[in-house]
Structure formats: structure tokens, C-alpha cells
Amino acid sequence: MKEFIKFEQDLPDAVRKMPAAIKIYFFIVTKSGQNGALIISRSFLADYFGISVSTVKRATALLKREGVISVWQCGGLCIYLLP
């Protein structure tokens, strides 16, 4: 497994209280490449998890604020990076 993977109990409390953030985090972990990066649209994540784009934005903002991921926006896509 990748060294940067955190288990759910190791995630910050604020993240563990938001189910969408946990789902998105583990999606990024499992789908990212060897470099820990995933390029994907927010709308894909919303459709995949059956949630709104607003919820995806809130969840990824929380993950970023808590230092779990970094996010870069490139046009309609986001680059999610694991530390």
C-alpha cells in the first residue's frame, strides 16, 4: 500500500464527521497513480457518489483545510494530490 494512505481512524475528527469527505478521500487514494495524484471533475465525483457538486466542493475543501489533500483546479477538472 501507499505510504500516504491514512486509515479512517487516523483522519482528523472534522473529516470523520462528514461521510462524503471520507468517501471522496478513499476514492482518491484508490484511484490515484503512483505519484498520489488524481485528475477528475467535481461533477464526476458528484454523479459517482450520488451527491451534489456543492457537497463535493464542501468535502474537498474540508479535506484540503485539514491537510489531508491538496487541490489544484485546471479548467473544469481538479487535480487532487495526496501529501
Protein backbone atom coordinates (compact mmCIF):
# COMPACT_ATOMS: atom_id res chain seq x y z
CA MET A 1 0.00 0.00 0.00
CA LYS A 2 1.00 3.59 -0.49
CA GLU A 3 2.78 5.28 2.41
CA PHE A 4 0.48 8.32 2.39
CA ILE A 5 -2.72 6.36 2.99
CA LYS A 6 -4.47 7.21 6.24
CA PHE A 7 -6.95 4.86 7.80
CA GLU A 8 -10.33 6.27 8.73
CA GLN A 9 -9.46 6.41 12.44
CA ASP A 10 -6.32 8.43 11.57
CA LEU A 11 -8.26 11.14 9.73
CA PRO A 12 -9.00 14.41 11.56
CA ASP A 13 -12.26 14.45 13.55
CA ALA A 14 -13.82 17.06 11.27
CA VAL A 15 -13.27 14.78 8.27
CA ARG A 16 -14.63 11.69 10.03
CA LYS A 17 -17.87 13.58 10.76
CA MET A 18 -18.54 14.14 7.04
CA PRO A 19 -19.29 10.87 5.22
CA ALA A 20 -18.86 12.46 1.77
CA ALA A 21 -15.33 13.58 2.69
CA ILE A 22 -14.39 10.05 3.77
CA LYS A 23 -15.79 8.52 0.57
CA ILE A 24 -14.02 11.06 -1.63
CA TYR A 25 -10.74 10.65 0.25
CA PHE A 26 -10.72 6.88 -0.15
CA PHE A 27 -11.76 7.21 -3.80
CA ILE A 28 -8.75 9.48 -4.40
CA VAL A 29 -6.48 7.05 -2.54
CA THR A 30 -7.62 4.01 -4.50
CA LYS A 31 -7.73 5.68 -7.93
CA SER A 32 -4.61 7.88 -7.75
CA GLY A 33 -1.44 6.96 -9.55
CA GLN A 34 1.94 6.13 -8.06
CA ASN A 35 2.55 9.86 -7.58
CA GLY A 36 -0.58 10.23 -5.43
CA ALA A 37 -2.39 12.43 -7.95
CA LEU A 38 -5.85 12.11 -9.48
CA ILE A 39 -7.29 14.38 -12.17
CA ILE A 40 -11.08 14.30 -12.23
CA SER A 41 -14.07 16.64 -12.38
CA ARG A 42 -16.24 17.51 -9.40
CA SER A 43 -19.30 16.58 -11.45
CA PHE A 44 -17.94 13.05 -11.96
CA LEU A 45 -17.47 12.65 -8.20
CA ALA A 46 -20.95 14.02 -7.60
CA ASP A 47 -22.50 11.57 -10.08
CA TYR A 48 -20.40 8.65 -8.82
CA PHE A 49 -21.45 9.15 -5.20
CA GLY A 50 -24.96 10.42 -5.90
CA ILE A 51 -24.32 13.75 -4.17
CA SER A 52 -24.40 17.36 -5.31
CA VAL A 53 -21.42 19.24 -6.74
CA SER A 54 -21.79 21.61 -3.77
CA THR A 55 -21.29 18.69 -1.39
CA VAL A 56 -18.19 17.64 -3.34
CA LYS A 57 -16.85 21.19 -3.03
CA ARG A 58 -17.52 21.27 0.72
CA ALA A 59 -15.98 17.84 1.25
CA THR A 60 -12.83 18.55 -0.76
CA ALA A 61 -12.48 21.98 0.89
CA LEU A 62 -12.62 20.26 4.28
CA LEU A 63 -10.04 17.67 3.22
CA LYS A 64 -7.79 20.48 1.98
CA ARG A 65 -8.28 22.61 5.12
CA GLU A 66 -7.42 19.62 7.33
CA GLY A 67 -4.24 18.96 5.31
CA VAL A 68 -5.36 15.56 4.02
CA ILE A 69 -5.15 16.52 0.33
CA SER A 70 -4.06 19.38 -1.89
CA VAL A 71 -6.32 20.60 -4.68
CA TRP A 72 -5.41 22.41 -7.90
CA GLN A 73 -8.02 23.49 -10.42
CA CYS A 74 -7.33 23.28 -14.14
CA GLY A 75 -10.32 24.36 -16.24
CA GLY A 76 -13.23 22.07 -15.46
CA LEU A 77 -11.00 19.47 -13.81
CA CYS A 78 -9.44 19.28 -10.38
CA ILE A 79 -6.09 17.76 -9.55
CA TYR A 80 -6.23 16.07 -6.16
CA LEU A 81 -2.87 15.37 -4.55
CA LEU A 82 -2.11 13.22 -1.55
CA PRO A 83 0.72 14.56 0.64
